[in-house]
Amino acid sequence: MNLIEESRHRIAEYGEVLTPQHIVDAMLDLVKQEAARIDSRFLEPACGTGNFLVEILERKLGVVEARYGKSQLEYERYATLAVSSIYGIDILEDNAEKCRERLFEVFDASYTRLFKKKTKDRCRETVRYILNRNIVHGDALSLKTVGDNPLPIVFSEWSLANGSLLKRRDFAFHELVSQASMRELPLFSDLGEEVFIPEPVKEYPPVHFLEVAHAYDD
């Protein structure tokens, strides 16, 4: 099957249509403040190869560089937080893999440009680990992973705690979706109204953000 036939097959079978850059830019400009907030979380349930997520990360890293670019440790900490705020699901495994790789390349290009030979492999390992957890080969309709043994999708929430420590909590995606939909309430609110606060399926003790890749069994 040649590339054109493969593209037609994927469009017919999976409805795969990649969003062009000018549309990505226009849509993200509608939420410009959120896209520039380092810790604001974005989920793309049909992320493809990451056109939206890559642009979001580039915008976030631009803010990180402007604020923390003169301090390597601060940049590493907040760049990791920016990466950790981005989530995606795609039903095609090669799309999920490509999305992870593109996001890593965006981070690594910025990190290397700023700190050159002073960059740390441990920081790169942390970013790769987080991307492997946050970008899921799964089906956003069934809320399960795709493969021989589909499992409920579980997302990890990452948050900074006590300086350089990173706190991980895992949440079942189907719980987030079903409970929020059933109650018709926002997941989080700054307005004081009743909100649905999800319960994690697992919590982990905080670890130094540079040790994340070696801190867990999964």
C-alpha atoms as a PDB file:
ATOM      1  CA  MET A   1       0.000   0.000   0.000  1.00  0.00           C
ATOM      2  CA  ASN A   2       1.509   3.375  -1.014  1.00  0.00           C
ATOM      3  CA  LEU A   3       1.328   6.537   1.099  1.00  0.00           C
ATOM      4  CA  ILE A   4      -1.752   7.930  -0.656  1.00  0.00           C
ATOM      5  CA  GLU A   5      -3.640   4.646  -0.290  1.00  0.00           C
ATOM      6  CA  GLU A   6      -2.561   4.390   3.347  1.00  0.00           C
ATOM      7  CA  SER A   7      -3.781   7.928   4.018  1.00  0.00           C
ATOM      8  CA  ARG A   8      -7.140   7.195   2.383  1.00  0.00           C
ATOM      9  CA  HIS A   9      -7.467   3.984   4.393  1.00  0.00           C
ATOM     10  CA  ARG A  10      -6.789   5.788   7.675  1.00  0.00           C
ATOM     11  CA  ILE A  11      -9.285   8.513   6.833  1.00  0.00           C
ATOM     12  CA  ALA A  12     -11.970   5.950   5.950  1.00  0.00           C
ATOM     13  CA  GLU A  13     -11.224   3.577   8.842  1.00  0.00           C
ATOM     14  CA  TYR A  14     -10.416   6.012  11.635  1.00  0.00           C
ATOM     15  CA  GLY A  15     -11.551   9.425  10.418  1.00  0.00           C
ATOM     16  CA  GLU A  16      -7.968  10.642  10.607  1.00  0.00           C
ATOM     17  CA  VAL A  17      -7.627  14.234   9.411  1.00  0.00           C
ATOM     18  CA  LEU A  18      -4.593  16.209  10.553  1.00  0.00           C
ATOM     19  CA  THR A  19      -5.326  19.807  11.567  1.00  0.00           C
ATOM     20  CA  PRO A  20      -3.320  22.400   9.588  1.00  0.00           C
ATOM     21  CA  GLN A  21      -1.111  24.831  11.488  1.00  0.00           C
ATOM     22  CA  HIS A  22      -3.142  27.981  10.793  1.00  0.00           C
ATOM     23  CA  ILE A  23      -6.264  26.383  12.283  1.00  0.00           C
ATOM     24  CA  VAL A  24      -4.291  25.157  15.304  1.00  0.00           C
ATOM     25  CA  ASP A  25      -2.993  28.695  15.883  1.00  0.00           C
ATOM     26  CA  ALA A  26      -6.415  30.290  15.475  1.00  0.00           C
ATOM     27  CA  MET A  27      -8.097  27.873  17.884  1.00  0.00           C
ATOM     28  CA  LEU A  28      -5.406  28.182  20.545  1.00  0.00           C
ATOM     29  CA  ASP A  29      -5.504  31.960  20.271  1.00  0.00           C
ATOM     30  CA  LEU A  30      -9.084  31.702  21.564  1.00  0.00           C
ATOM     31  CA  VAL A  31      -7.666  30.327  24.836  1.00  0.00           C
ATOM     32  CA  LYS A  32      -4.383  32.220  24.682  1.00  0.00           C
ATOM     33  CA  GLN A  33      -4.098  32.818  28.437  1.00  0.00           C
ATOM     34  CA  GLU A  34      -4.637  29.162  29.312  1.00  0.00           C
ATOM     35  CA  ALA A  35      -2.274  27.960  26.589  1.00  0.00           C
ATOM     36  CA  ALA A  36       0.431  30.182  28.075  1.00  0.00           C
ATOM     37  CA  ARG A  37      -0.152  29.135  31.693  1.00  0.00           C
ATOM     38  CA  ILE A  38       2.586  26.689  32.657  1.00  0.00           C
ATOM     39  CA  ASP A  39       0.446  24.361  34.777  1.00  0.00           C
ATOM     40  CA  SER A  40      -2.873  24.508  32.889  1.00  0.00           C
ATOM     41  CA  ARG A  41      -3.799  20.986  31.788  1.00  0.00           C
ATOM     42  CA  PHE A  42      -4.824  20.114  28.228  1.00  0.00           C
ATOM     43  CA  LEU A  43      -6.238  16.801  26.994  1.00  0.00           C
ATOM     44  CA  GLU A  44      -6.597  16.053  23.277  1.00  0.00           C
ATOM     45  CA  PRO A  45      -8.786  12.895  23.003  1.00  0.00           C
ATOM     46  CA  ALA A  46      -7.829  12.308  19.369  1.00  0.00           C
ATOM     47  CA  CYS A  47      -4.347  13.789  19.377  1.00  0.00           C
ATOM     48  CA  GLY A  48      -3.036  12.320  16.121  1.00  0.00           C
ATOM     49  CA  THR A  49       0.638  13.139  15.821  1.00  0.00           C
ATOM     50  CA  GLY A  50       0.267  16.074  18.175  1.00  0.00           C
ATOM     51  CA  ASN A  51      -0.348  19.220  16.115  1.00  0.00           C
ATOM     52  CA  PHE A  52      -2.324  20.889  18.902  1.00  0.00           C
ATOM     53  CA  LEU A  53      -0.227  19.555  21.764  1.00  0.00           C
ATOM     54  CA  VAL A  54       3.074  20.532  20.146  1.00  0.00           C
ATOM     55  CA  GLU A  55       1.904  24.116  19.723  1.00  0.00           C
ATOM     56  CA  ILE A  56       0.644  24.241  23.315  1.00  0.00           C
ATOM     57  CA  LEU A  57       3.985  22.986  24.604  1.00  0.00           C
ATOM     58  CA  GLU A  58       5.896  25.505  22.493  1.00  0.00           C
ATOM     59  CA  ARG A  59       3.819  28.319  23.964  1.00  0.00           C
ATOM     60  CA  LYS A  60       4.274  27.064  27.507  1.00  0.00           C
ATOM     61  CA  LEU A  61       8.033  26.625  27.085  1.00  0.00           C
ATOM     62  CA  GLY A  62       8.256  30.159  25.744  1.00  0.00           C
ATOM     63  CA  VAL A  63       6.815  31.361  29.049  1.00  0.00           C
ATOM     64  CA  VAL A  64       9.158  29.088  31.026  1.00  0.00           C
ATOM     65  CA  GLU A  65      12.164  30.448  29.163  1.00  0.00           C
ATOM     66  CA  ALA A  66      11.110  34.067  29.665  1.00  0.00           C
ATOM     67  CA  ARG A  67      10.658  33.558  33.404  1.00  0.00           C
ATOM     68  CA  TYR A  68      13.293  30.977  34.299  1.00  0.00           C
ATOM     69  CA  GLY A  69      15.748  30.798  31.393  1.00  0.00           C
ATOM     70  CA  LYS A  70      18.617  32.231  33.425  1.00  0.00           C
ATOM     71  CA  SER A  71      18.480  29.436  36.015  1.00  0.00           C
ATOM     72  CA  GLN A  72      18.997  25.898  34.753  1.00  0.00           C
ATOM     73  CA  LEU A  73      17.389  24.203  37.747  1.00  0.00           C
ATOM     74  CA  GLU A  74      14.347  26.487  37.639  1.00  0.00           C
ATOM     75  CA  TYR A  75      14.001  26.001  33.897  1.00  0.00           C
ATOM     76  CA  GLU A  76      14.232  22.209  34.261  1.00  0.00           C
ATOM     77  CA  ARG A  77      11.651  22.198  37.043  1.00  0.00           C
ATOM     78  CA  TYR A  78       9.079  24.316  35.242  1.00  0.00           C
ATOM     79  CA  ALA A  79       9.715  22.865  31.789  1.00  0.00           C
ATOM     80  CA  THR A  80       9.002  19.444  33.309  1.00  0.00           C
ATOM     81  CA  LEU A  81       5.800  20.837  34.810  1.00  0.00           C
ATOM     82  CA  ALA A  82       4.798  22.228  31.407  1.00  0.00           C
ATOM     83  CA  VAL A  83       5.334  18.836  29.754  1.00  0.00           C
ATOM     84  CA  SER A  84       3.426  17.104  32.540  1.00  0.00           C
ATOM     85  CA  SER A  85       0.348  19.262  31.913  1.00  0.00           C
ATOM     86  CA  ILE A  86      -0.195  17.876  28.405  1.00  0.00           C
ATOM     87  CA  TYR A  87      -2.270  14.739  27.760  1.00  0.00           C
ATOM     88  CA  GLY A  88      -3.345  12.917  24.630  1.00  0.00           C
ATOM     89  CA  ILE A  89      -5.149   9.793  23.447  1.00  0.00           C
ATOM     90  CA  ASP A  90      -5.000   8.274  19.979  1.00  0.00           C
ATOM     91  CA  ILE A  91      -6.425   5.040  18.659  1.00  0.00           C
ATOM     92  CA  LEU A  92      -3.456   4.515  16.323  1.00  0.00           C
ATOM     93  CA  GLU A  93      -0.260   3.359  17.987  1.00  0.00           C
ATOM     94  CA  ASP A  94       2.073   5.027  15.503  1.00  0.00           C
ATOM     95  CA  ASN A  95       0.299   8.349  16.036  1.00  0.00           C
ATOM     96  CA  ALA A  96       0.732   8.105  19.806  1.00  0.00           C
ATOM     97  CA  GLU A  97       4.412   7.247  19.392  1.00  0.00           C
ATOM     98  CA  LYS A  98       4.953  10.113  16.945  1.00  0.00           C
ATOM     99  CA  CYS A  99       3.153  12.533  19.252  1.00  0.00           C
ATOM    100  CA  ARG A 100       5.389  11.584  22.185  1.00  0.00           C
ATOM    101  CA  GLU A 101       8.492  11.967  20.038  1.00  0.00           C
ATOM    102  CA  ARG A 102       7.474  15.357  18.669  1.00  0.00           C
ATOM    103  CA  LEU A 103       6.736  16.674  22.153  1.00  0.00           C
ATOM    104  CA  PHE A 104      10.071  15.400  23.417  1.00  0.00           C
ATOM    105  CA  GLU A 105      11.870  17.023  20.491  1.00  0.00           C
ATOM    106  CA  VAL A 106      10.244  20.382  21.267  1.00  0.00           C
ATOM    107  CA  PHE A 107      11.404  20.163  24.874  1.00  0.00           C
ATOM    108  CA  ASP A 108      14.871  18.897  23.998  1.00  0.00           C
ATOM    109  CA  ALA A 109      15.511  21.540  21.343  1.00  0.00           C
ATOM    110  CA  SER A 110      14.699  24.331  23.780  1.00  0.00           C
ATOM    111  CA  TYR A 111      16.614  22.718  26.664  1.00  0.00           C
ATOM    112  CA  THR A 112      19.716  22.075  24.540  1.00  0.00           C
ATOM    113  CA  ARG A 113      19.687  25.537  23.000  1.00  0.00           C
ATOM    114  CA  LEU A 114      19.639  27.177  26.427  1.00  0.00           C
ATOM    115  CA  PHE A 115      22.064  24.998  28.375  1.00  0.00           C
ATOM    116  CA  LYS A 116      24.086  23.110  25.752  1.00  0.00           C
ATOM    117  CA  LYS A 117      26.638  20.776  27.408  1.00  0.00           C
ATOM    118  CA  LYS A 118      25.222  21.468  30.872  1.00  0.00           C
ATOM    119  CA  THR A 119      22.002  19.616  30.061  1.00  0.00           C
ATOM    120  CA  LYS A 120      21.203  16.513  32.123  1.00  0.00           C
ATOM    121  CA  ASP A 121      20.196  13.102  30.827  1.00  0.00           C
ATOM    122  CA  ARG A 122      18.152  12.626  34.013  1.00  0.00           C
ATOM    123  CA  CYS A 123      15.945  15.560  33.021  1.00  0.00           C
ATOM    124  CA  ARG A 124      15.431  14.086  29.558  1.00  0.00           C
ATOM    125  CA  GLU A 125      14.580  10.715  31.132  1.00  0.00           C
ATOM    126  CA  THR A 126      11.969  12.384  33.346  1.00  0.00           C
ATOM    127  CA  VAL A 127      10.349  14.079  30.370  1.00  0.00           C
ATOM    128  CA  ARG A 128      10.277  10.854  28.347  1.00  0.00           C
ATOM    129  CA  TYR A 129       8.750   8.954  31.260  1.00  0.00           C
ATOM    130  CA  ILE A 130       6.012  11.541  31.735  1.00  0.00           C
ATOM    131  CA  LEU A 131       5.214  11.607  28.021  1.00  0.00           C
ATOM    132  CA  ASN A 132       4.986   7.807  27.961  1.00  0.00           C
ATOM    133  CA  ARG A 133       2.326   8.030  30.663  1.00  0.00           C
ATOM    134  CA  ASN A 134       0.498  11.112  29.436  1.00  0.00           C
ATOM    135  CA  ILE A 135       0.173  10.216  25.731  1.00  0.00           C
ATOM    136  CA  VAL A 136      -1.896   7.046  25.580  1.00  0.00           C
ATOM    137  CA  HIS A 137      -2.521   4.532  22.822  1.00  0.00           C
ATOM    138  CA  GLY A 138      -6.209   4.185  23.514  1.00  0.00           C
ATOM    139  CA  ASP A 139      -9.803   4.764  22.471  1.00  0.00           C
ATOM    140  CA  ALA A 140     -11.397   7.914  23.894  1.00  0.00           C
ATOM    141  CA  LEU A 141     -14.870   6.454  23.214  1.00  0.00           C
ATOM    142  CA  SER A 142     -14.400   3.161  25.067  1.00  0.00           C
ATOM    143  CA  LEU A 143     -12.130   4.899  27.612  1.00  0.00           C
ATOM    144  CA  LYS A 144      -9.755   1.937  27.374  1.00  0.00           C
ATOM    145  CA  THR A 145      -6.312   1.246  25.996  1.00  0.00           C
ATOM    146  CA  VAL A 146      -6.010  -0.475  22.627  1.00  0.00           C
ATOM    147  CA  GLY A 147      -4.383  -3.886  22.306  1.00  0.00           C
ATOM    148  CA  ASP A 148      -4.804  -7.566  23.077  1.00  0.00           C
ATOM    149  CA  ASN A 149      -5.807  -6.839  26.663  1.00  0.00           C
ATOM    150  CA  PRO A 150      -7.612  -3.464  26.807  1.00  0.00           C
ATOM    151  CA  LEU A 151      -7.517  -1.804  30.202  1.00  0.00           C
ATOM    152  CA  PRO A 152      -9.195   1.318  31.560  1.00  0.00           C
ATOM    153  CA  ILE A 153      -7.166   4.398  30.722  1.00  0.00           C
ATOM    154  CA  VAL A 154      -5.401   5.822  33.770  1.00  0.00           C
ATOM    155  CA  PHE A 155      -3.896   9.284  33.707  1.00  0.00           C
ATOM    156  CA  SER A 156      -1.288  10.597  36.120  1.00  0.00           C
ATOM    157  CA  GLU A 157      -1.648  14.042  37.615  1.00  0.00           C
ATOM    158  CA  TRP A 158       1.707  15.713  38.249  1.00  0.00           C
ATOM    159  CA  SER A 159       2.198  18.688  40.551  1.00  0.00           C
ATOM    160  CA  LEU A 160       5.172  20.404  42.135  1.00  0.00           C
ATOM    161  CA  ALA A 161       5.479  20.100  45.891  1.00  0.00           C
ATOM    162  CA  ASN A 162       8.091  21.589  48.198  1.00  0.00           C
ATOM    163  CA  GLY A 163      10.403  23.012  45.587  1.00  0.00           C
ATOM    164  CA  SER A 164      11.887  20.301  43.400  1.00  0.00           C
ATOM    165  CA  LEU A 165       9.609  17.440  44.478  1.00  0.00           C
ATOM    166  CA  LEU A 166       7.008  16.140  42.054  1.00  0.00           C
ATOM    167  CA  LYS A 167       3.791  14.571  43.309  1.00  0.00           C
ATOM    168  CA  ARG A 168       2.034  11.902  41.238  1.00  0.00           C
ATOM    169  CA  ARG A 169      -1.602  10.822  41.611  1.00  0.00           C
ATOM    170  CA  ASP A 170      -3.282   8.383  39.211  1.00  0.00           C
ATOM    171  CA  PHE A 171      -6.915   8.771  38.143  1.00  0.00           C
ATOM    172  CA  ALA A 172      -9.178   6.441  36.155  1.00  0.00           C
ATOM    173  CA  PHE A 173     -10.245   8.325  33.058  1.00  0.00           C
ATOM    174  CA  HIS A 174     -13.717   6.741  32.997  1.00  0.00           C
ATOM    175  CA  GLU A 175     -14.366   8.062  36.512  1.00  0.00           C
ATOM    176  CA  LEU A 176     -13.390  11.580  35.528  1.00  0.00           C
ATOM    177  CA  VAL A 177     -15.598  11.489  32.454  1.00  0.00           C
ATOM    178  CA  SER A 178     -18.657   9.709  33.855  1.00  0.00           C
ATOM    179  CA  GLN A 179     -18.866  11.542  37.147  1.00  0.00           C
ATOM    180  CA  ALA A 180     -18.329  14.976  35.665  1.00  0.00           C
ATOM    181  CA  SER A 181     -20.865  14.270  32.911  1.00  0.00           C
ATOM    182  CA  MET A 182     -23.458  12.763  35.254  1.00  0.00           C
ATOM    183  CA  ARG A 183     -23.306  15.671  37.672  1.00  0.00           C
ATOM    184  CA  GLU A 184     -22.846  18.274  34.932  1.00  0.00           C
ATOM    185  CA  LEU A 185     -20.259  19.926  37.130  1.00  0.00           C
ATOM    186  CA  PRO A 186     -16.773  21.201  36.358  1.00  0.00           C
ATOM    187  CA  LEU A 187     -13.854  19.155  37.604  1.00  0.00           C
ATOM    188  CA  PHE A 188     -12.366  22.189  39.277  1.00  0.00           C
ATOM    189  CA  SER A 189     -13.741  25.644  39.986  1.00  0.00           C
ATOM    190  CA  ASP A 190     -12.539  28.984  41.304  1.00  0.00           C
ATOM    191  CA  LEU A 191     -16.073  30.277  41.795  1.00  0.00           C
ATOM    192  CA  GLY A 192     -17.002  28.459  44.984  1.00  0.00           C
ATOM    193  CA  GLU A 193     -19.880  26.393  43.582  1.00  0.00           C
ATOM    194  CA  GLU A 194     -20.250  22.660  44.165  1.00  0.00           C
ATOM    195  CA  VAL A 195     -17.666  20.712  42.205  1.00  0.00           C
ATOM    196  CA  PHE A 196     -16.792  17.109  41.555  1.00  0.00           C
ATOM    197  CA  ILE A 197     -13.445  16.286  43.147  1.00  0.00           C
ATOM    198  CA  PRO A 198     -12.231  12.924  41.818  1.00  0.00           C
ATOM    199  CA  GLU A 199     -10.641  10.306  44.025  1.00  0.00           C
ATOM    200  CA  PRO A 200      -7.278   8.975  42.842  1.00  0.00           C
ATOM    201  CA  VAL A 201      -6.895   5.249  42.276  1.00  0.00           C
ATOM    202  CA  LYS A 202      -3.333   5.527  43.583  1.00  0.00           C
ATOM    203  CA  GLU A 203      -1.103   8.136  45.180  1.00  0.00           C
ATOM    204  CA  TYR A 204       2.672   8.141  45.322  1.00  0.00           C
ATOM    205  CA  PRO A 205       5.038   9.889  47.711  1.00  0.00           C
ATOM    206  CA  PRO A 206       6.710  12.988  46.242  1.00  0.00           C
ATOM    207  CA  VAL A 207      10.059  12.411  44.569  1.00  0.00           C
ATOM    208  CA  HIS A 208      12.681  14.758  43.166  1.00  0.00           C
ATOM    209  CA  PHE A 209      11.620  15.601  39.623  1.00  0.00           C
ATOM    210  CA  LEU A 210      14.961  14.401  38.230  1.00  0.00           C
ATOM    211  CA  GLU A 211      14.374  10.937  39.752  1.00  0.00           C
ATOM    212  CA  VAL A 212      10.893  10.362  38.280  1.00  0.00           C
ATOM    213  CA  ALA A 213      12.031   7.913  35.592  1.00  0.00           C
ATOM    214  CA  HIS A 214      13.471   5.554  38.219  1.00  0.00           C
ATOM    215  CA  ALA A 215      10.976   6.075  41.055  1.00  0.00           C
ATOM    216  CA  TYR A 216       8.104   3.808  39.946  1.00  0.00           C
ATOM    217  CA  ASP A 217       7.613   0.170  39.036  1.00  0.00           C
ATOM    218  CA  ASP A 218       5.448   0.737  35.939  1.00  0.00           C
END
